[in-house]
C-alpha atoms as a PDB file:
ATOM      1  CA  MET A   1      95.242  52.473 110.800  1.00  0.00           C
ATOM      2  CA  ARG A   2      94.231  51.499 107.290  1.00  0.00           C
ATOM      3  CA  ALA A   3      90.998  52.490 105.615  1.00  0.00           C
ATOM      4  CA  VAL A   4      88.386  49.764 105.278  1.00  0.00           C
ATOM      5  CA  PRO A   5      85.663  50.150 102.637  1.00  0.00           C
ATOM      6  CA  ARG A   6      82.020  50.028 103.671  1.00  0.00           C
ATOM      7  CA  VAL A   7      80.459  46.625 103.312  1.00  0.00           C
ATOM      8  CA  ARG A   8      76.839  47.801 103.163  1.00  0.00           C
ATOM      9  CA  ASN A   9      75.074  50.990 102.276  1.00  0.00           C
ATOM     10  CA  PHE A  10      71.565  51.506 103.644  1.00  0.00           C
ATOM     11  CA  ASP A  11      68.867  53.845 102.419  1.00  0.00           C
ATOM     12  CA  CYS A  12      68.085  55.627 105.651  1.00  0.00           C
ATOM     13  CA  THR A  13      64.723  57.040 104.630  1.00  0.00           C
ATOM     14  CA  TRP A  14      61.388  55.936 105.991  1.00  0.00           C
ATOM     15  CA  CYS A  15      58.084  57.408 104.803  1.00  0.00           C
ATOM     16  CA  LEU A  16      54.719  57.078 106.484  1.00  0.00           C
ATOM     17  CA  VAL A  17      52.964  58.961 103.649  1.00  0.00           C
ATOM     18  CA  GLU A  18      54.419  59.738 100.230  1.00  0.00           C
ATOM     19  CA  ASN A  19      52.371  60.500  97.134  1.00  0.00           C
ATOM     20  CA  ASP A  20      52.264  63.169  94.413  1.00  0.00           C
ATOM     21  CA  ASP A  21      51.091  65.921  96.765  1.00  0.00           C
ATOM     22  CA  ASN A  22      51.868  64.966 100.344  1.00  0.00           C
ATOM     23  CA  LYS A  23      54.899  63.652 102.151  1.00  0.00           C
ATOM     24  CA  TRP A  24      55.711  62.650 105.713  1.00  0.00           C
ATOM     25  CA  CYS A  25      59.197  61.155 105.792  1.00  0.00           C
ATOM     26  CA  LEU A  26      62.142  60.670 108.102  1.00  0.00           C
ATOM     27  CA  ASP A  27      65.783  60.694 106.963  1.00  0.00           C
ATOM     28  CA  TYR A  28      68.428  59.662 109.416  1.00  0.00           C
ATOM     29  CA  GLU A  29      72.127  58.974 109.460  1.00  0.00           C
ATOM     30  CA  PHE A  30      74.226  57.601 112.293  1.00  0.00           C
ATOM     31  CA  ASN A  31      77.920  56.885 111.832  1.00  0.00           C
ATOM     32  CA  TRP A  32      79.749  55.077 114.598  1.00  0.00           C
ATOM     33  CA  GLU A  33      83.300  53.825 114.640  1.00  0.00           C
ATOM     34  CA  LEU A  34      84.378  51.627 117.531  1.00  0.00           C
ATOM     35  CA  GLY A  35      87.858  50.261 118.078  1.00  0.00           C
ATOM     36  CA  TRP A  36      90.589  49.416 120.507  1.00  0.00           C
ATOM     37  CA  ASN A  37      94.360  49.573 120.853  1.00  0.00           C
ATOM     38  CA  PHE A  38      96.661  47.483 122.982  1.00  0.00           C
ATOM     39  CA  PHE A  39     100.159  48.570 124.060  1.00  0.00           C
ATOM     40  CA  GLN A  40     102.841  46.965 126.138  1.00  0.00           C
ATOM     41  CA  GLU A  41     106.389  48.015 126.807  1.00  0.00           C
ATOM     42  CA  ASN A  42     109.175  46.523 128.875  1.00  0.00           C
ATOM     43  CA  VAL A  43     112.026  48.806 129.920  1.00  0.00           C
ATOM     44  CA  GLU A  44     114.647  46.379 131.204  1.00  0.00           C
ATOM     45  CA  ASP A  45     115.454  46.639 134.935  1.00  0.00           C
ATOM     46  CA  ALA A  46     113.011  49.572 135.269  1.00  0.00           C
ATOM     47  CA  GLN A  47     109.362  48.929 134.512  1.00  0.00           C
ATOM     48  CA  TYR A  48     106.738  47.054 132.540  1.00  0.00           C
ATOM     49  CA  LYS A  49     103.754  48.974 131.051  1.00  0.00           C
ATOM     50  CA  TRP A  50     100.505  47.514 129.804  1.00  0.00           C
ATOM     51  CA  ARG A  51      97.672  49.630 128.390  1.00  0.00           C
ATOM     52  CA  PHE A  52      94.302  48.908 126.786  1.00  0.00           C
ATOM     53  CA  GLU A  53      92.339  51.679 125.008  1.00  0.00           C
ATOM     54  CA  ILE A  54      88.783  51.656 123.733  1.00  0.00           C
ATOM     55  CA  TYR A  55      87.785  54.507 121.446  1.00  0.00           C
ATOM     56  CA  SER A  56      84.641  55.598 119.698  1.00  0.00           C
ATOM     57  CA  LYS A  57      83.960  58.164 116.997  1.00  0.00           C
ATOM     58  CA  GLN A  58      80.381  59.119 116.141  1.00  0.00           C
ATOM     59  CA  ASP A  59      78.102  61.639 114.487  1.00  0.00           C
ATOM     60  CA  ALA A  60      74.380  61.705 113.761  1.00  0.00           C
ATOM     61  CA  ARG A  61      71.677  63.537 111.811  1.00  0.00           C
ATOM     62  CA  LEU A  62      67.902  63.230 112.078  1.00  0.00           C
ATOM     63  CA  HIS A  63      65.635  64.954 109.567  1.00  0.00           C
ATOM     64  CA  PRO A  64      61.833  64.504 109.704  1.00  0.00           C
ATOM     65  CA  GLU A  65      59.843  66.302 107.017  1.00  0.00           C
ATOM     66  CA  PHE A  66      56.086  66.890 107.130  1.00  0.00           C
ATOM     67  CA  ASP A  67      54.840  68.358 103.840  1.00  0.00           C
ATOM     68  CA  PHE A  68      51.123  68.746 103.224  1.00  0.00           C
ATOM     69  CA  PRO A  69      51.094  71.753 100.843  1.00  0.00           C
ATOM     70  CA  ARG A  70      47.438  72.591 101.357  1.00  0.00           C
ATOM     71  CA  VAL A  71      47.866  72.878 105.118  1.00  0.00           C
ATOM     72  CA  TYR A  72      51.332  72.938 106.641  1.00  0.00           C
ATOM     73  CA  TYR A  73      55.023  72.257 106.034  1.00  0.00           C
ATOM     74  CA  ASN A  74      57.508  71.478 108.802  1.00  0.00           C
ATOM     75  CA  GLU A  75      61.086  70.295 108.580  1.00  0.00           C
ATOM     76  CA  ILE A  76      63.345  69.656 111.569  1.00  0.00           C
ATOM     77  CA  THR A  77      67.051  68.943 111.357  1.00  0.00           C
ATOM     78  CA  ALA A  78      68.871  67.626 114.419  1.00  0.00           C
ATOM     79  CA  THR A  79      72.631  67.364 113.974  1.00  0.00           C
ATOM     80  CA  MET A  80      75.340  66.117 116.275  1.00  0.00           C
ATOM     81  CA  LYS A  81      78.785  66.898 114.869  1.00  0.00           C
ATOM     82  CA  GLN A  82      81.491  64.263 114.954  1.00  0.00           C
ATOM     83  CA  PHE A  83      83.311  63.737 118.254  1.00  0.00           C
ATOM     84  CA  LYS A  84      85.536  61.114 119.860  1.00  0.00           C
ATOM     85  CA  VAL A  85      85.458  59.257 123.165  1.00  0.00           C
ATOM     86  CA  LEU A  86      88.485  57.448 124.613  1.00  0.00           C
ATOM     87  CA  TYR A  87      88.760  55.244 127.666  1.00  0.00           C
ATOM     88  CA  SER A  88      92.174  53.852 128.615  1.00  0.00           C
ATOM     89  CA  PHE A  89      93.206  51.481 131.388  1.00  0.00           C
ATOM     90  CA  GLU A  90      96.880  51.013 132.241  1.00  0.00           C
ATOM     91  CA  PHE A  91      99.053  49.366 134.805  1.00  0.00           C
ATOM     92  CA  VAL A  92     102.767  49.952 135.344  1.00  0.00           C
ATOM     93  CA  TYR A  93     104.947  47.594 137.338  1.00  0.00           C
ATOM     94  CA  HIS A  94     108.157  49.137 138.670  1.00  0.00           C
ATOM     95  CA  TYR A  95     110.790  46.436 139.221  1.00  0.00           C
ATOM     96  CA  VAL A  96     113.147  48.143 141.635  1.00  0.00           C
ATOM     97  CA  PRO A  97     110.796  49.424 144.341  1.00  0.00           C
ATOM     98  CA  ASP A  98     108.374  46.553 143.554  1.00  0.00           C
ATOM     99  CA  PHE A  99     105.322  48.818 143.018  1.00  0.00           C
ATOM    100  CA  LEU A 100     102.281  48.238 140.857  1.00  0.00           C
ATOM    101  CA  CYS A 101     100.362  51.321 139.702  1.00  0.00           C
ATOM    102  CA  PHE A 102      96.920  51.400 138.069  1.00  0.00           C
ATOM    103  CA  ASN A 103      95.807  54.304 135.904  1.00  0.00           C
ATOM    104  CA  TYR A 104      92.712  55.128 133.916  1.00  0.00           C
ATOM    105  CA  PHE A 105      92.050  57.915 131.470  1.00  0.00           C
ATOM    106  CA  PHE A 106      88.757  59.098 129.990  1.00  0.00           C
ATOM    107  CA  THR A 107      88.258  61.882 127.479  1.00  0.00           C
ATOM    108  CA  LEU A 108      85.176  63.150 125.697  1.00  0.00           C
ATOM    109  CA  GLU A 109      85.847  65.650 122.903  1.00  0.00           C
ATOM    110  CA  GLU A 110      83.900  68.867 122.566  1.00  0.00           C
ATOM    111  CA  PHE A 111      80.829  68.362 120.379  1.00  0.00           C
ATOM    112  CA  ASP A 112      78.079  70.486 118.936  1.00  0.00           C
ATOM    113  CA  VAL A 113      74.350  69.717 119.031  1.00  0.00           C
ATOM    114  CA  LEU A 114      72.131  71.741 116.707  1.00  0.00           C
ATOM    115  CA  PHE A 115      68.324  71.686 116.242  1.00  0.00           C
ATOM    116  CA  GLU A 116      66.915  73.726 113.356  1.00  0.00           C
ATOM    117  CA  MET A 117      63.354  74.010 112.135  1.00  0.00           C
ATOM    118  CA  ALA A 118      61.858  75.355 108.928  1.00  0.00           C
ATOM    119  CA  MET A 119      58.157  75.786 108.363  1.00  0.00           C
ATOM    120  CA  LYS A 120      55.599  77.177 105.950  1.00  0.00           C
ATOM    121  CA  LEU A 121      51.958  77.949 106.522  1.00  0.00           C
ATOM    122  CA  GLN A 122      49.062  78.449 104.140  1.00  0.00           C
ATOM    123  CA  GLU A 123      48.280  82.071 103.389  1.00  0.00           C
ATOM    124  CA  CYS A 124      44.747  82.367 102.074  1.00  0.00           C
ATOM    125  CA  PHE A 125      42.620  85.341 101.142  1.00  0.00           C
ATOM    126  CA  LYS A 126      39.115  86.253 100.076  1.00  0.00           C
ATOM    127  CA  VAL A 127      38.232  89.429  98.239  1.00  0.00           C
ATOM    128  CA  LEU A 128      35.483  90.886 100.414  1.00  0.00           C
ATOM    129  CA  ILE A 129      34.408  93.782  98.238  1.00  0.00           C
ATOM    130  CA  SER A 130      35.466  94.258  94.651  1.00  0.00           C
ATOM    131  CA  CYS A 131      32.418  96.288  93.623  1.00  0.00           C
ATOM    132  CA  PHE A 132      29.685  97.702  95.876  1.00  0.00           C
ATOM    133  CA  TYR A 133      26.843  96.828  93.526  1.00  0.00           C
ATOM    134  CA  ASP A 134      28.066  93.312  92.484  1.00  0.00           C
ATOM    135  CA  TRP A 135      27.666  90.527  95.122  1.00  0.00           C
ATOM    136  CA  GLU A 136      28.544  87.659  92.733  1.00  0.00           C
ATOM    137  CA  ASN A 137      31.652  87.108  94.845  1.00  0.00           C
ATOM    138  CA  TYR A 138      29.401  85.734  97.637  1.00  0.00           C
ATOM    139  CA  ASN A 139      26.358  84.201  95.991  1.00  0.00           C
ATOM    140  CA  GLY A 140      27.246  83.739  92.295  1.00  0.00           C
ATOM    141  CA  ASP A 141      27.809  80.452  90.456  1.00  0.00           C
ATOM    142  CA  ASP A 142      31.618  80.799  90.813  1.00  0.00           C
ATOM    143  CA  ALA A 143      31.578  82.014  94.427  1.00  0.00           C
ATOM    144  CA  LYS A 144      34.214  80.495  96.727  1.00  0.00           C
ATOM    145  CA  TYR A 145      34.775  80.584 100.457  1.00  0.00           C
ATOM    146  CA  ILE A 146      38.445  81.346  99.802  1.00  0.00           C
ATOM    147  CA  ASP A 147      39.715  82.903  96.582  1.00  0.00           C
ATOM    148  CA  LYS A 148      43.340  81.753  96.609  1.00  0.00           C
ATOM    149  CA  CYS A 149      45.887  80.071  98.871  1.00  0.00           C
ATOM    150  CA  ASP A 150      49.673  79.989  98.660  1.00  0.00           C
ATOM    151  CA  GLN A 151      52.328  78.674 100.976  1.00  0.00           C
ATOM    152  CA  SER A 152      54.371  81.233 102.821  1.00  0.00           C
ATOM    153  CA  LYS A 153      58.123  81.539 102.401  1.00  0.00           C
ATOM    154  CA  LYS A 154      60.231  78.965 104.197  1.00  0.00           C
ATOM    155  CA  THR A 155      61.569  80.360 107.477  1.00  0.00           C
ATOM    156  CA  ASP A 156      64.539  78.731 109.200  1.00  0.00           C
ATOM    157  CA  ILE A 157      64.692  78.860 112.991  1.00  0.00           C
ATOM    158  CA  THR A 158      67.536  77.706 115.231  1.00  0.00           C
ATOM    159  CA  MET A 159      65.745  76.064 118.127  1.00  0.00           C
ATOM    160  CA  TYR A 160      68.766  74.808 120.089  1.00  0.00           C
ATOM    161  CA  ASN A 161      72.497  75.133 119.590  1.00  0.00           C
ATOM    162  CA  TYR A 162      74.925  74.131 122.289  1.00  0.00           C
ATOM    163  CA  ILE A 163      78.575  73.159 122.297  1.00  0.00           C
ATOM    164  CA  TYR A 164      79.246  70.626 125.008  1.00  0.00           C
ATOM    165  CA  PRO A 165      82.692  71.238 126.493  1.00  0.00           C
ATOM    166  CA  GLU A 166      85.529  68.755 126.509  1.00  0.00           C
ATOM    167  CA  TYR A 167      85.633  66.457 129.525  1.00  0.00           C
ATOM    168  CA  ILE A 168      88.807  64.755 130.785  1.00  0.00           C
ATOM    169  CA  SER A 169      89.175  62.451 133.768  1.00  0.00           C
ATOM    170  CA  TYR A 170      92.172  60.464 134.973  1.00  0.00           C
END
């Protein structure tokens, strides 16, 4: 099979909100190859074979990102590794005993599905007592409800990881 260049290239990003501070976007990628093969063979005075195969090769990735730095950050990555599917239908005609046989074959390759999540939360603090005789922290001109906020470190979590086994039927 020869390689065929891509005809189009899409930007697979969609954003509901995107500005200097906040972002709520979705990146996605889905690759799918679909094809077929046709075979026939005639062995003289023995048999005639005819086979039609349909195959598919696919992989996918979904990546929503919710980033509001003053509140919450969440990023999910769903990945399905590349795998192949093949369905084949065949018939064989045997000349001498005058038999016609039908066969089918289906195979689904092993594939991996992975869901990961990363999130950050706001960590805020207020100095309750810096000096017992100075209450400017509560009722002064520069008093604040919260002194300072920072985002926590990004933590990656594997939510789901499963390898689906190979399946063959004929």
